[in-house]
Amino acid sequence: MNTIEKIEAFKQRTKRFALDIVMLFQKLPQTDEARVMGRQLLRSATSVAANYRAACRARSEAEFFSKISIVVEEADESLFWLELLLESKSMEVVKINPLLQEAEELVKITNTIRHKRKKL
């Protein structure tokens, strides 16, 4: 897989993560606390995909670094909200665990990208 294919595959992966979160949000209980956490999760997860896409279109190394840093932050925030939904028992473990794992992987991958680009 060449670099362009890897970039496109990761774009699709972040978009799939956002879509999976949208689907999870639709299944959340109608409690106030679940909705508040769900909205925060929805914002951060969709931001991962949007900002990675923006990073891919960066006009400079500084702009790329700035956008990829936002992706790292938003992926980590998504992880936080997923953990809260799980620990507050607002959602079943079975539904959250795959998304938790994906959020952790997205944080690791984007953080690695950021650190490698910082050294350039």
PDB file of N, CA and C in Angstrom:
ATOM      1  N   MET A   1       0.854  -1.176   0.000  1.00  0.00           N
ATOM      2  CA  MET A   1       0.000   0.000   0.000  1.00  0.00           C
ATOM      3  C   MET A   1       0.902   1.242   0.000  1.00  0.00           C
ATOM      4  N   ASN A   2       0.693   2.129  -0.966  1.00  0.00           N
ATOM      5  CA  ASN A   2       1.510   3.338  -1.015  1.00  0.00           C
ATOM      6  C   ASN A   2       0.945   4.407  -0.072  1.00  0.00           C
ATOM      7  N   THR A   3       1.633   5.522   0.028  1.00  0.00           N
ATOM      8  CA  THR A   3       1.274   6.576   0.979  1.00  0.00           C
ATOM      9  C   THR A   3      -0.125   7.131   0.722  1.00  0.00           C
ATOM     10  N   ILE A   4      -0.447   7.378  -0.527  1.00  0.00           N
ATOM     11  CA  ILE A   4      -1.768   7.929  -0.852  1.00  0.00           C
ATOM     12  C   ILE A   4      -2.870   6.947  -0.473  1.00  0.00           C
ATOM     13  N   GLU A   5      -2.645   5.684  -0.721  1.00  0.00           N
ATOM     14  CA  GLU A   5      -3.636   4.667  -0.345  1.00  0.00           C
ATOM     15  C   GLU A   5      -3.797   4.589   1.168  1.00  0.00           C
ATOM     16  N   LYS A   6      -2.686   4.717   1.897  1.00  0.00           N
ATOM     17  CA  LYS A   6      -2.756   4.709   3.359  1.00  0.00           C
ATOM     18  C   LYS A   6      -3.544   5.903   3.883  1.00  0.00           C
ATOM     19  N   ILE A   7      -3.306   7.059   3.290  1.00  0.00           N
ATOM     20  CA  ILE A   7      -4.022   8.275   3.692  1.00  0.00           C
ATOM     21  C   ILE A   7      -5.516   8.111   3.440  1.00  0.00           C
ATOM     22  N   GLU A   8      -5.865   7.617   2.271  1.00  0.00           N
ATOM     23  CA  GLU A   8      -7.276   7.416   1.928  1.00  0.00           C
ATOM     24  C   GLU A   8      -7.930   6.379   2.846  1.00  0.00           C
ATOM     25  N   ALA A   9      -7.203   5.313   3.131  1.00  0.00           N
ATOM     26  CA  ALA A   9      -7.735   4.275   4.031  1.00  0.00           C
ATOM     27  C   ALA A   9      -7.974   4.843   5.424  1.00  0.00           C
ATOM     28  N   PHE A  10      -7.058   5.697   5.889  1.00  0.00           N
ATOM     29  CA  PHE A  10      -7.235   6.276   7.220  1.00  0.00           C
ATOM     30  C   PHE A  10      -8.373   7.296   7.229  1.00  0.00           C
ATOM     31  N   LYS A  11      -8.560   8.011   6.136  1.00  0.00           N
ATOM     32  CA  LYS A  11      -9.716   8.911   6.024  1.00  0.00           C
ATOM     33  C   LYS A  11     -11.005   8.110   6.186  1.00  0.00           C
ATOM     34  N   GLN A  12     -11.072   6.984   5.493  1.00  0.00           N
ATOM     35  CA  GLN A  12     -12.253   6.135   5.571  1.00  0.00           C
ATOM     36  C   GLN A  12     -12.437   5.565   6.981  1.00  0.00           C
ATOM     37  N   ARG A  13     -11.331   5.236   7.621  1.00  0.00           N
ATOM     38  CA  ARG A  13     -11.393   4.683   8.976  1.00  0.00           C
ATOM     39  C   ARG A  13     -11.942   5.708   9.965  1.00  0.00           C
ATOM     40  N   THR A  14     -11.467   6.954   9.861  1.00  0.00           N
ATOM     41  CA  THR A  14     -11.960   7.990  10.779  1.00  0.00           C
ATOM     42  C   THR A  14     -13.423   8.315  10.487  1.00  0.00           C
ATOM     43  N   LYS A  15     -13.800   8.268   9.218  1.00  0.00           N
ATOM     44  CA  LYS A  15     -15.202   8.508   8.857  1.00  0.00           C
ATOM     45  C   LYS A  15     -16.084   7.377   9.391  1.00  0.00           C
ATOM     46  N   ARG A  16     -15.612   6.141   9.278  1.00  0.00           N
ATOM     47  CA  ARG A  16     -16.365   4.987   9.798  1.00  0.00           C
ATOM     48  C   ARG A  16     -16.541   5.120  11.316  1.00  0.00           C
ATOM     49  N   PHE A  17     -15.490   5.567  12.011  1.00  0.00           N
ATOM     50  CA  PHE A  17     -15.577   5.783  13.451  1.00  0.00           C
ATOM     51  C   PHE A  17     -16.672   6.807  13.757  1.00  0.00           C
ATOM     52  N   ALA A  18     -16.685   7.914  13.017  1.00  0.00           N
ATOM     53  CA  ALA A  18     -17.710   8.942  13.232  1.00  0.00           C
ATOM     54  C   ALA A  18     -19.107   8.372  12.992  1.00  0.00           C
ATOM     55  N   LEU A  19     -19.268   7.612  11.931  1.00  0.00           N
ATOM     56  CA  LEU A  19     -20.571   7.011  11.636  1.00  0.00           C
ATOM     57  C   LEU A  19     -20.993   6.009  12.711  1.00  0.00           C
ATOM     58  N   ASP A  20     -20.046   5.228  13.200  1.00  0.00           N
ATOM     59  CA  ASP A  20     -20.359   4.278  14.273  1.00  0.00           C
ATOM     60  C   ASP A  20     -20.812   5.007  15.536  1.00  0.00           C
ATOM     61  N   ILE A  21     -20.204   6.150  15.808  1.00  0.00           N
ATOM     62  CA  ILE A  21     -20.603   6.951  16.973  1.00  0.00           C
ATOM     63  C   ILE A  21     -22.001   7.528  16.757  1.00  0.00           C
ATOM     64  N   VAL A  22     -22.298   7.969  15.542  1.00  0.00           N
ATOM     65  CA  VAL A  22     -23.647   8.468  15.241  1.00  0.00           C
ATOM     66  C   VAL A  22     -24.671   7.371  15.529  1.00  0.00           C
ATOM     67  N   MET A  23     -24.361   6.159  15.093  1.00  0.00           N
ATOM     68  CA  MET A  23     -25.283   5.041  15.326  1.00  0.00           C
ATOM     69  C   MET A  23     -25.417   4.719  16.820  1.00  0.00           C
ATOM     70  N   LEU A  24     -24.314   4.805  17.563  1.00  0.00           N
ATOM     71  CA  LEU A  24     -24.368   4.600  19.010  1.00  0.00           C
ATOM     72  C   LEU A  24     -25.234   5.682  19.659  1.00  0.00           C
ATOM     73  N   PHE A  25     -25.035   6.916  19.246  1.00  0.00           N
ATOM     74  CA  PHE A  25     -25.792   8.044  19.796  1.00  0.00           C
ATOM     75  C   PHE A  25     -27.297   7.817  19.640  1.00  0.00           C
ATOM     76  N   GLN A  26     -27.688   7.288  18.500  1.00  0.00           N
ATOM     77  CA  GLN A  26     -29.102   7.039  18.238  1.00  0.00           C
ATOM     78  C   GLN A  26     -29.687   5.980  19.175  1.00  0.00           C
ATOM     79  N   LYS A  27     -28.819   5.131  19.742  1.00  0.00           N
ATOM     80  CA  LYS A  27     -29.283   4.055  20.624  1.00  0.00           C
ATOM     81  C   LYS A  27     -29.150   4.386  22.108  1.00  0.00           C
ATOM     82  N   LEU A  28     -28.648   5.572  22.422  1.00  0.00           N
ATOM     83  CA  LEU A  28     -28.472   5.942  23.829  1.00  0.00           C
ATOM     84  C   LEU A  28     -29.818   6.055  24.533  1.00  0.00           C
ATOM     85  N   PRO A  29     -29.820   5.749  25.824  1.00  0.00           N
ATOM     86  CA  PRO A  29     -31.051   5.944  26.598  1.00  0.00           C
ATOM     87  C   PRO A  29     -31.445   7.420  26.597  1.00  0.00           C
ATOM     88  N   GLN A  30     -32.692   7.671  26.798  1.00  0.00           N
ATOM     89  CA  GLN A  30     -33.211   9.044  26.749  1.00  0.00           C
ATOM     90  C   GLN A  30     -33.051   9.780  28.087  1.00  0.00           C
ATOM     91  N   THR A  31     -32.022   9.468  28.841  1.00  0.00           N
ATOM     92  CA  THR A  31     -31.780  10.175  30.108  1.00  0.00           C
ATOM     93  C   THR A  31     -30.978  11.437  29.819  1.00  0.00           C
ATOM     94  N   ASP A  32     -31.090  12.401  30.708  1.00  0.00           N
ATOM     95  CA  ASP A  32     -30.360  13.659  30.533  1.00  0.00           C
ATOM     96  C   ASP A  32     -28.854  13.436  30.477  1.00  0.00           C
ATOM     97  N   GLU A  33     -28.349  12.635  31.414  1.00  0.00           N
ATOM     98  CA  GLU A  33     -26.900  12.436  31.473  1.00  0.00           C
ATOM     99  C   GLU A  33     -26.370  11.695  30.243  1.00  0.00           C
ATOM    100  N   ALA A  34     -27.093  10.714  29.769  1.00  0.00           N
ATOM    101  CA  ALA A  34     -26.657   9.977  28.577  1.00  0.00           C
ATOM    102  C   ALA A  34     -26.665  10.889  27.356  1.00  0.00           C
ATOM    103  N   ARG A  35     -27.638  11.746  27.252  1.00  0.00           N
ATOM    104  CA  ARG A  35     -27.730  12.666  26.117  1.00  0.00           C
ATOM    105  C   ARG A  35     -26.613  13.709  26.155  1.00  0.00           C
ATOM    106  N   VAL A  36     -26.283  14.212  27.343  1.00  0.00           N
ATOM    107  CA  VAL A  36     -25.199  15.193  27.459  1.00  0.00           C
ATOM    108  C   VAL A  36     -23.877  14.553  27.048  1.00  0.00           C
ATOM    109  N   MET A  37     -23.593  13.374  27.612  1.00  0.00           N
ATOM    110  CA  MET A  37     -22.348  12.674  27.256  1.00  0.00           C
ATOM    111  C   MET A  37     -22.362  12.291  25.778  1.00  0.00           C
ATOM    112  N   GLY A  38     -23.506  11.872  25.289  1.00  0.00           N
ATOM    113  CA  GLY A  38     -23.633  11.478  23.889  1.00  0.00           C
ATOM    114  C   GLY A  38     -23.374  12.620  22.934  1.00  0.00           C
ATOM    115  N   ARG A  39     -23.894  13.791  23.239  1.00  0.00           N
ATOM    116  CA  ARG A  39     -23.666  14.958  22.371  1.00  0.00           C
ATOM    117  C   ARG A  39     -22.191  15.345  22.345  1.00  0.00           C
ATOM    118  N   GLN A  40     -21.559  15.282  23.512  1.00  0.00           N
ATOM    119  CA  GLN A  40     -20.130  15.599  23.570  1.00  0.00           C
ATOM    120  C   GLN A  40     -19.325  14.585  22.739  1.00  0.00           C
ATOM    121  N   LEU A  41     -19.683  13.317  22.877  1.00  0.00           N
ATOM    122  CA  LEU A  41     -19.029  12.258  22.105  1.00  0.00           C
ATOM    123  C   LEU A  41     -19.260  12.455  20.615  1.00  0.00           C
ATOM    124  N   LEU A  42     -20.465  12.785  20.250  1.00  0.00           N
ATOM    125  CA  LEU A  42     -20.802  13.012  18.851  1.00  0.00           C
ATOM    126  C   LEU A  42     -19.954  14.133  18.255  1.00  0.00           C
ATOM    127  N   ARG A  43     -19.795  15.206  18.998  1.00  0.00           N
ATOM    128  CA  ARG A  43     -18.976  16.337  18.530  1.00  0.00           C
ATOM    129  C   ARG A  43     -17.516  15.946  18.358  1.00  0.00           C
ATOM    130  N   SER A  44     -16.972  15.286  19.361  1.00  0.00           N
ATOM    131  CA  SER A  44     -15.539  14.961  19.287  1.00  0.00           C
ATOM    132  C   SER A  44     -15.246  13.906  18.227  1.00  0.00           C
ATOM    133  N   ALA A  45     -16.089  12.893  18.110  1.00  0.00           N
ATOM    134  CA  ALA A  45     -15.842  11.820  17.141  1.00  0.00           C
ATOM    135  C   ALA A  45     -15.967  12.306  15.699  1.00  0.00           C
ATOM    136  N   THR A  46     -16.951  13.139  15.431  1.00  0.00           N
ATOM    137  CA  THR A  46     -17.073  13.666  14.073  1.00  0.00           C
ATOM    138  C   THR A  46     -15.943  14.644  13.768  1.00  0.00           C
ATOM    139  N   SER A  47     -15.440  15.304  14.795  1.00  0.00           N
ATOM    140  CA  SER A  47     -14.305  16.212  14.626  1.00  0.00           C
ATOM    141  C   SER A  47     -13.026  15.456  14.251  1.00  0.00           C
ATOM    142  N   VAL A  48     -12.881  14.230  14.739  1.00  0.00           N
ATOM    143  CA  VAL A  48     -11.713  13.408  14.376  1.00  0.00           C
ATOM    144  C   VAL A  48     -11.660  13.271  12.859  1.00  0.00           C
ATOM    145  N   ALA A  49     -12.764  12.847  12.276  1.00  0.00           N
ATOM    146  CA  ALA A  49     -12.810  12.628  10.830  1.00  0.00           C
ATOM    147  C   ALA A  49     -12.651  13.937  10.051  1.00  0.00           C
ATOM    148  N   ALA A  50     -13.347  14.966  10.478  1.00  0.00           N
ATOM    149  CA  ALA A  50     -13.300  16.249   9.759  1.00  0.00           C
ATOM    150  C   ALA A  50     -11.905  16.871   9.806  1.00  0.00           C
ATOM    151  N   ASN A  51     -11.276  16.825  10.967  1.00  0.00           N
ATOM    152  CA  ASN A  51      -9.960  17.440  11.081  1.00  0.00           C
ATOM    153  C   ASN A  51      -8.857  16.606  10.441  1.00  0.00           C
ATOM    154  N   TYR A  52      -9.008  15.278  10.405  1.00  0.00           N
ATOM    155  CA  TYR A  52      -8.015  14.475   9.672  1.00  0.00           C
ATOM    156  C   TYR A  52      -8.109  14.801   8.184  1.00  0.00           C
ATOM    157  N   ARG A  53      -9.317  14.932   7.710  1.00  0.00           N
ATOM    158  CA  ARG A  53      -9.519  15.299   6.306  1.00  0.00           C
ATOM    159  C   ARG A  53      -8.880  16.665   6.020  1.00  0.00           C
ATOM    160  N   ALA A  54      -9.070  17.602   6.928  1.00  0.00           N
ATOM    161  CA  ALA A  54      -8.476  18.937   6.769  1.00  0.00           C
ATOM    162  C   ALA A  54      -6.947  18.863   6.823  1.00  0.00           C
ATOM    163  N   ALA A  55      -6.415  18.019   7.688  1.00  0.00           N
ATOM    164  CA  ALA A  55      -4.953  17.865   7.783  1.00  0.00           C
ATOM    165  C   ALA A  55      -4.381  17.366   6.458  1.00  0.00           C
ATOM    166  N   CYS A  56      -5.109  16.493   5.806  1.00  0.00           N
ATOM    167  CA  CYS A  56      -4.654  15.945   4.517  1.00  0.00           C
ATOM    168  C   CYS A  56      -4.611  17.000   3.424  1.00  0.00           C
ATOM    169  N   ARG A  57      -5.317  18.076   3.619  1.00  0.00           N
ATOM    170  CA  ARG A  57      -5.342  19.156   2.640  1.00  0.00           C
ATOM    171  C   ARG A  57      -4.549  20.377   3.114  1.00  0.00           C
ATOM    172  N   ALA A  58      -3.744  20.191   4.119  1.00  0.00           N
ATOM    173  CA  ALA A  58      -2.966  21.297   4.686  1.00  0.00           C
ATOM    174  C   ALA A  58      -2.046  21.908   3.629  1.00  0.00           C
ATOM    175  N   ARG A  59      -1.889  23.219   3.718  1.00  0.00           N
ATOM    176  CA  ARG A  59      -1.057  23.948   2.755  1.00  0.00           C
ATOM    177  C   ARG A  59       0.378  24.097   3.211  1.00  0.00           C
ATOM    178  N   SER A  60       0.628  23.739   4.466  1.00  0.00           N
ATOM    179  CA  SER A  60       1.991  23.844   4.981  1.00  0.00           C
ATOM    180  C   SER A  60       2.199  22.798   6.068  1.00  0.00           C
ATOM    181  N   GLU A  61       3.444  22.594   6.414  1.00  0.00           N
ATOM    182  CA  GLU A  61       3.759  21.636   7.487  1.00  0.00           C
ATOM    183  C   GLU A  61       3.181  22.125   8.819  1.00  0.00           C
ATOM    184  N   ALA A  62       3.225  23.419   9.044  1.00  0.00           N
ATOM    185  CA  ALA A  62       2.684  23.985  10.288  1.00  0.00           C
ATOM    186  C   ALA A  62       1.170  23.778  10.366  1.00  0.00           C
ATOM    187  N   GLU A  63       0.488  23.980   9.246  1.00  0.00           N
ATOM    188  CA  GLU A  63      -0.962  23.770   9.230  1.00  0.00           C
ATOM    189  C   GLU A  63      -1.288  22.291   9.451  1.00  0.00           C
ATOM    190  N   PHE A  64      -0.516  21.398   8.824  1.00  0.00           N
ATOM    191  CA  PHE A  64      -0.724  19.964   9.026  1.00  0.00           C
ATOM    192  C   PHE A  64      -0.552  19.613  10.501  1.00  0.00           C
ATOM    193  N   PHE A  65       0.534  20.093  11.099  1.00  0.00           N
ATOM    194  CA  PHE A  65       0.815  19.781  12.500  1.00  0.00           C
ATOM    195  C   PHE A  65      -0.305  20.277  13.402  1.00  0.00           C
ATOM    196  N   SER A  66      -0.810  21.456  13.121  1.00  0.00           N
ATOM    197  CA  SER A  66      -1.902  22.017  13.910  1.00  0.00           C
ATOM    198  C   SER A  66      -3.161  21.146  13.797  1.00  0.00           C
ATOM    199  N   LYS A  67      -3.519  20.765  12.589  1.00  0.00           N
ATOM    200  CA  LYS A  67      -4.727  19.958  12.378  1.00  0.00           C
ATOM    201  C   LYS A  67      -4.584  18.556  12.964  1.00  0.00           C
ATOM    202  N   ILE A  68      -3.427  17.933  12.775  1.00  0.00           N
ATOM    203  CA  ILE A  68      -3.249  16.570  13.296  1.00  0.00           C
ATOM    204  C   ILE A  68      -3.236  16.602  14.830  1.00  0.00           C
ATOM    205  N   SER A  69      -2.776  17.702  15.405  1.00  0.00           N
ATOM    206  CA  SER A  69      -2.822  17.854  16.862  1.00  0.00           C
ATOM    207  C   SER A  69      -4.264  17.915  17.354  1.00  0.00           C
ATOM    208  N   ILE A  70      -5.121  18.569  16.590  1.00  0.00           N
ATOM    209  CA  ILE A  70      -6.546  18.620  16.929  1.00  0.00           C
ATOM    210  C   ILE A  70      -7.139  17.225  16.842  1.00  0.00           C
ATOM    211  N   VAL A  71      -6.741  16.461  15.826  1.00  0.00           N
ATOM    212  CA  VAL A  71      -7.241  15.091  15.679  1.00  0.00           C
ATOM    213  C   VAL A  71      -6.883  14.263  16.911  1.00  0.00           C
ATOM    214  N   VAL A  72      -5.649  14.385  17.383  1.00  0.00           N
ATOM    215  CA  VAL A  72      -5.211  13.646  18.574  1.00  0.00           C
ATOM    216  C   VAL A  72      -6.082  14.027  19.769  1.00  0.00           C
ATOM    217  N   GLU A  73      -6.272  15.314  19.964  1.00  0.00           N
ATOM    218  CA  GLU A  73      -7.082  15.794  21.096  1.00  0.00           C
ATOM    219  C   GLU A  73      -8.522  15.298  21.015  1.00  0.00           C
ATOM    220  N   GLU A  74      -9.112  15.368  19.835  1.00  0.00           N
ATOM    221  CA  GLU A  74     -10.511  14.964  19.672  1.00  0.00           C
ATOM    222  C   GLU A  74     -10.672  13.445  19.808  1.00  0.00           C
ATOM    223  N   ALA A  75      -9.699  12.688  19.324  1.00  0.00           N
ATOM    224  CA  ALA A  75      -9.754  11.224  19.486  1.00  0.00           C
ATOM    225  C   ALA A  75      -9.663  10.862  20.966  1.00  0.00           C
ATOM    226  N   ASP A  76      -8.781  11.558  21.680  1.00  0.00           N
ATOM    227  CA  ASP A  76      -8.653  11.302  23.115  1.00  0.00           C
ATOM    228  C   ASP A  76      -9.916  11.724  23.863  1.00  0.00           C
ATOM    229  N   GLU A  77     -10.516  12.826  23.446  1.00  0.00           N
ATOM    230  CA  GLU A  77     -11.767  13.251  24.077  1.00  0.00           C
ATOM    231  C   GLU A  77     -12.878  12.234  23.794  1.00  0.00           C
ATOM    232  N   SER A  78     -12.915  11.702  22.587  1.00  0.00           N
ATOM    233  CA  SER A  78     -13.900  10.662  22.259  1.00  0.00           C
ATOM    234  C   SER A  78     -13.723   9.458  23.167  1.00  0.00           C
ATOM    235  N   LEU A  79     -12.473   9.085  23.378  1.00  0.00           N
ATOM    236  CA  LEU A  79     -12.160   7.976  24.280  1.00  0.00           C
ATOM    237  C   LEU A  79     -12.690   8.264  25.681  1.00  0.00           C
ATOM    238  N   PHE A  80     -12.484   9.483  26.153  1.00  0.00           N
ATOM    239  CA  PHE A  80     -12.968   9.891  27.475  1.00  0.00           C
ATOM    240  C   PHE A  80     -14.487   9.728  27.595  1.00  0.00           C
ATOM    241  N   TRP A  81     -15.239  10.244  26.601  1.00  0.00           N
ATOM    242  CA  TRP A  81     -16.704  10.170  26.669  1.00  0.00           C
ATOM    243  C   TRP A  81     -17.198   8.737  26.574  1.00  0.00           C
ATOM    244  N   LEU A  82     -16.519   7.919  25.785  1.00  0.00           N
ATOM    245  CA  LEU A  82     -16.878   6.496  25.720  1.00  0.00           C
ATOM    246  C   LEU A  82     -16.654   5.826  27.078  1.00  0.00           C
ATOM    247  N   GLU A  83     -15.531   6.143  27.717  1.00  0.00           N
ATOM    248  CA  GLU A  83     -15.249   5.591  29.042  1.00  0.00           C
ATOM    249  C   GLU A  83     -16.330   6.019  30.042  1.00  0.00           C
ATOM    250  N   LEU A  84     -16.731   7.274  29.987  1.00  0.00           N
ATOM    251  CA  LEU A  84     -17.761   7.767  30.897  1.00  0.00           C
ATOM    252  C   LEU A  84     -19.098   7.083  30.665  1.00  0.00           C
ATOM    253  N   LEU A  85     -19.459   6.904  29.398  1.00  0.00           N
ATOM    254  CA  LEU A  85     -20.707   6.193  29.096  1.00  0.00           C
ATOM    255  C   LEU A  85     -20.664   4.775  29.640  1.00  0.00           C
ATOM    256  N   LEU A  86     -19.521   4.136  29.524  1.00  0.00           N
ATOM    257  CA  LEU A  86     -19.367   2.774  30.011  1.00  0.00           C
ATOM    258  C   LEU A  86     -19.406   2.730  31.537  1.00  0.00           C
ATOM    259  N   GLU A  87     -18.591   3.564  32.176  1.00  0.00           N
ATOM    260  CA  GLU A  87     -18.478   3.537  33.634  1.00  0.00           C
ATOM    261  C   GLU A  87     -19.733   4.028  34.338  1.00  0.00           C
ATOM    262  N   SER A  88     -20.522   4.856  33.664  1.00  0.00           N
ATOM    263  CA  SER A  88     -21.778   5.321  34.260  1.00  0.00           C
ATOM    264  C   SER A  88     -22.917   4.330  33.994  1.00  0.00           C
ATOM    265  N   LYS A  89     -22.576   3.267  33.270  1.00  0.00           N
ATOM    266  CA  LYS A  89     -23.542   2.221  32.911  1.00  0.00           C
ATOM    267  C   LYS A  89     -24.703   2.770  32.067  1.00  0.00           C
ATOM    268  N   SER A  90     -24.385   3.799  31.281  1.00  0.00           N
ATOM    269  CA  SER A  90     -25.388   4.376  30.389  1.00  0.00           C
ATOM    270  C   SER A  90     -25.543   3.567  29.105  1.00  0.00           C
ATOM    271  N   MET A  91     -24.556   2.707  28.846  1.00  0.00           N
ATOM    272  CA  MET A  91     -24.587   1.896  27.633  1.00  0.00           C
ATOM    273  C   MET A  91     -23.920   0.566  27.917  1.00  0.00           C
ATOM    274  N   GLU A  92     -24.368  -0.460  27.234  1.00  0.00           N
ATOM    275  CA  GLU A  92     -23.847  -1.806  27.450  1.00  0.00           C
ATOM    276  C   GLU A  92     -22.389  -1.931  27.004  1.00  0.00           C
ATOM    277  N   VAL A  93     -21.649  -2.722  27.736  1.00  0.00           N
ATOM    278  CA  VAL A  93     -20.237  -2.966  27.448  1.00  0.00           C
ATOM    279  C   VAL A  93     -20.054  -3.483  26.026  1.00  0.00           C
ATOM    280  N   VAL A  94     -20.916  -4.377  25.605  1.00  0.00           N
ATOM    281  CA  VAL A  94     -20.820  -4.999  24.282  1.00  0.00           C
ATOM    282  C   VAL A  94     -20.863  -3.958  23.166  1.00  0.00           C
ATOM    283  N   LYS A  95     -21.649  -2.912  23.347  1.00  0.00           N
ATOM    284  CA  LYS A  95     -21.781  -1.878  22.323  1.00  0.00           C
ATOM    285  C   LYS A  95     -20.643  -0.864  22.368  1.00  0.00           C
ATOM    286  N   ILE A  96     -20.061  -0.672  23.539  1.00  0.00           N
ATOM    287  CA  ILE A  96     -19.031   0.355  23.703  1.00  0.00           C
ATOM    288  C   ILE A  96     -17.615  -0.184  23.457  1.00  0.00           C
ATOM    289  N   ASN A  97     -17.346  -1.409  23.847  1.00  0.00           N
ATOM    290  CA  ASN A  97     -15.974  -1.937  23.766  1.00  0.00           C
ATOM    291  C   ASN A  97     -15.311  -1.815  22.397  1.00  0.00           C
ATOM    292  N   PRO A  98     -15.978  -2.161  21.294  1.00  0.00           N
ATOM    293  CA  PRO A  98     -15.309  -2.009  19.993  1.00  0.00           C
ATOM    294  C   PRO A  98     -14.971  -0.544  19.680  1.00  0.00           C
ATOM    295  N   LEU A  99     -15.842   0.361  20.105  1.00  0.00           N
ATOM    296  CA  LEU A  99     -15.588   1.782  19.871  1.00  0.00           C
ATOM    297  C   LEU A  99     -14.475   2.302  20.771  1.00  0.00           C
ATOM    298  N   LEU A 100     -14.420   1.791  21.993  1.00  0.00           N
ATOM    299  CA  LEU A 100     -13.309   2.139  22.893  1.00  0.00           C
ATOM    300  C   LEU A 100     -11.981   1.717  22.281  1.00  0.00           C
ATOM    301  N   GLN A 101     -11.941   0.499  21.780  1.00  0.00           N
ATOM    302  CA  GLN A 101     -10.717  -0.018  21.167  1.00  0.00           C
ATOM    303  C   GLN A 101     -10.321   0.826  19.950  1.00  0.00           C
ATOM    304  N   GLU A 102     -11.289   1.162  19.129  1.00  0.00           N
ATOM    305  CA  GLU A 102     -10.999   1.971  17.943  1.00  0.00           C
ATOM    306  C   GLU A 102     -10.521   3.356  18.339  1.00  0.00           C
ATOM    307  N   ALA A 103     -11.146   3.965  19.328  1.00  0.00           N
ATOM    308  CA  ALA A 103     -10.716   5.292  19.788  1.00  0.00           C
ATOM    309  C   ALA A 103      -9.281   5.245  20.307  1.00  0.00           C
ATOM    310  N   GLU A 104      -8.945   4.200  21.066  1.00  0.00           N
ATOM    311  CA  GLU A 104      -7.574   4.044  21.567  1.00  0.00           C
ATOM    312  C   GLU A 104      -6.589   3.919  20.413  1.00  0.00           C
ATOM    313  N   GLU A 105      -6.943   3.144  19.403  1.00  0.00           N
ATOM    314  CA  GLU A 105      -6.061   2.981  18.246  1.00  0.00           C
ATOM    315  C   GLU A 105      -5.915   4.283  17.471  1.00  0.00           C
ATOM    316  N   LEU A 106      -6.995   5.026  17.320  1.00  0.00           N
ATOM    317  CA  LEU A 106      -6.926   6.312  16.617  1.00  0.00           C
ATOM    318  C   LEU A 106      -6.025   7.298  17.357  1.00  0.00           C
ATOM    319  N   VAL A 107      -6.107   7.304  18.680  1.00  0.00           N
ATOM    320  CA  VAL A 107      -5.226   8.174  19.470  1.00  0.00           C
ATOM    321  C   VAL A 107      -3.763   7.786  19.226  1.00  0.00           C
ATOM    322  N   LYS A 108      -3.467   6.498  19.302  1.00  0.00           N
ATOM    323  CA  LYS A 108      -2.093   6.029  19.118  1.00  0.00           C
ATOM    324  C   LYS A 108      -1.567   6.334  17.720  1.00  0.00           C
ATOM    325  N   ILE A 109      -2.373   6.054  16.718  1.00  0.00           N
ATOM    326  CA  ILE A 109      -1.941   6.280  15.332  1.00  0.00           C
ATOM    327  C   ILE A 109      -1.701   7.756  15.058  1.00  0.00           C
ATOM    328  N   THR A 110      -2.661   8.593  15.435  1.00  0.00           N
ATOM    329  CA  THR A 110      -2.521  10.019  15.138  1.00  0.00           C
ATOM    330  C   THR A 110      -1.425  10.661  15.974  1.00  0.00           C
ATOM    331  N   ASN A 111      -1.234  10.182  17.179  1.00  0.00           N
ATOM    332  CA  ASN A 111      -0.146  10.702  17.997  1.00  0.00           C
ATOM    333  C   ASN A 111       1.206  10.336  17.386  1.00  0.00           C
ATOM    334  N   THR A 112       1.305   9.133  16.850  1.00  0.00           N
ATOM    335  CA  THR A 112       2.541   8.708  16.178  1.00  0.00           C
ATOM    336  C   THR A 112       2.786   9.568  14.942  1.00  0.00           C
ATOM    337  N   ILE A 113       1.736   9.805  14.152  1.00  0.00           N
ATOM    338  CA  ILE A 113       1.868  10.677  12.976  1.00  0.00           C
ATOM    339  C   ILE A 113       2.369  12.048  13.405  1.00  0.00           C
ATOM    340  N   ARG A 114       1.773  12.592  14.447  1.00  0.00           N
ATOM    341  CA  ARG A 114       2.161  13.931  14.921  1.00  0.00           C
ATOM    342  C   ARG A 114       3.616  13.964  15.351  1.00  0.00           C
ATOM    343  N   HIS A 115       4.058  12.955  16.110  1.00  0.00           N
ATOM    344  CA  HIS A 115       5.446  12.948  16.582  1.00  0.00           C
ATOM    345  C   HIS A 115       6.434  12.777  15.443  1.00  0.00           C
ATOM    346  N   LYS A 116       6.103  11.968  14.460  1.00  0.00           N
ATOM    347  CA  LYS A 116       6.998  11.782  13.310  1.00  0.00           C
ATOM    348  C   LYS A 116       7.100  13.066  12.506  1.00  0.00           C
ATOM    349  N   ARG A 117       5.989  13.767  12.328  1.00  0.00           N
ATOM    350  CA  ARG A 117       6.005  15.010  11.546  1.00  0.00           C
ATOM    351  C   ARG A 117       6.708  16.123  12.292  1.00  0.00           C
ATOM    352  N   LYS A 118       6.648  16.101  13.611  1.00  0.00           N
ATOM    353  CA  LYS A 118       7.290  17.136  14.411  1.00  0.00           C
ATOM    354  C   LYS A 118       8.809  17.081  14.223  1.00  0.00           C
ATOM    355  N   LYS A 119       9.336  15.879  14.013  1.00  0.00           N
ATOM    356  CA  LYS A 119      10.779  15.703  13.852  1.00  0.00           C
ATOM    357  C   LYS A 119      11.291  16.146  12.492  1.00  0.00           C
ATOM    358  N   LEU A 120      10.371  16.348  11.528  1.00  0.00           N
ATOM    359  CA  LEU A 120      10.795  16.739  10.183  1.00  0.00           C
ATOM    360  C   LEU A 120      11.280  18.172  10.135  1.00  0.00           C
TER     361      LEU A 120
END
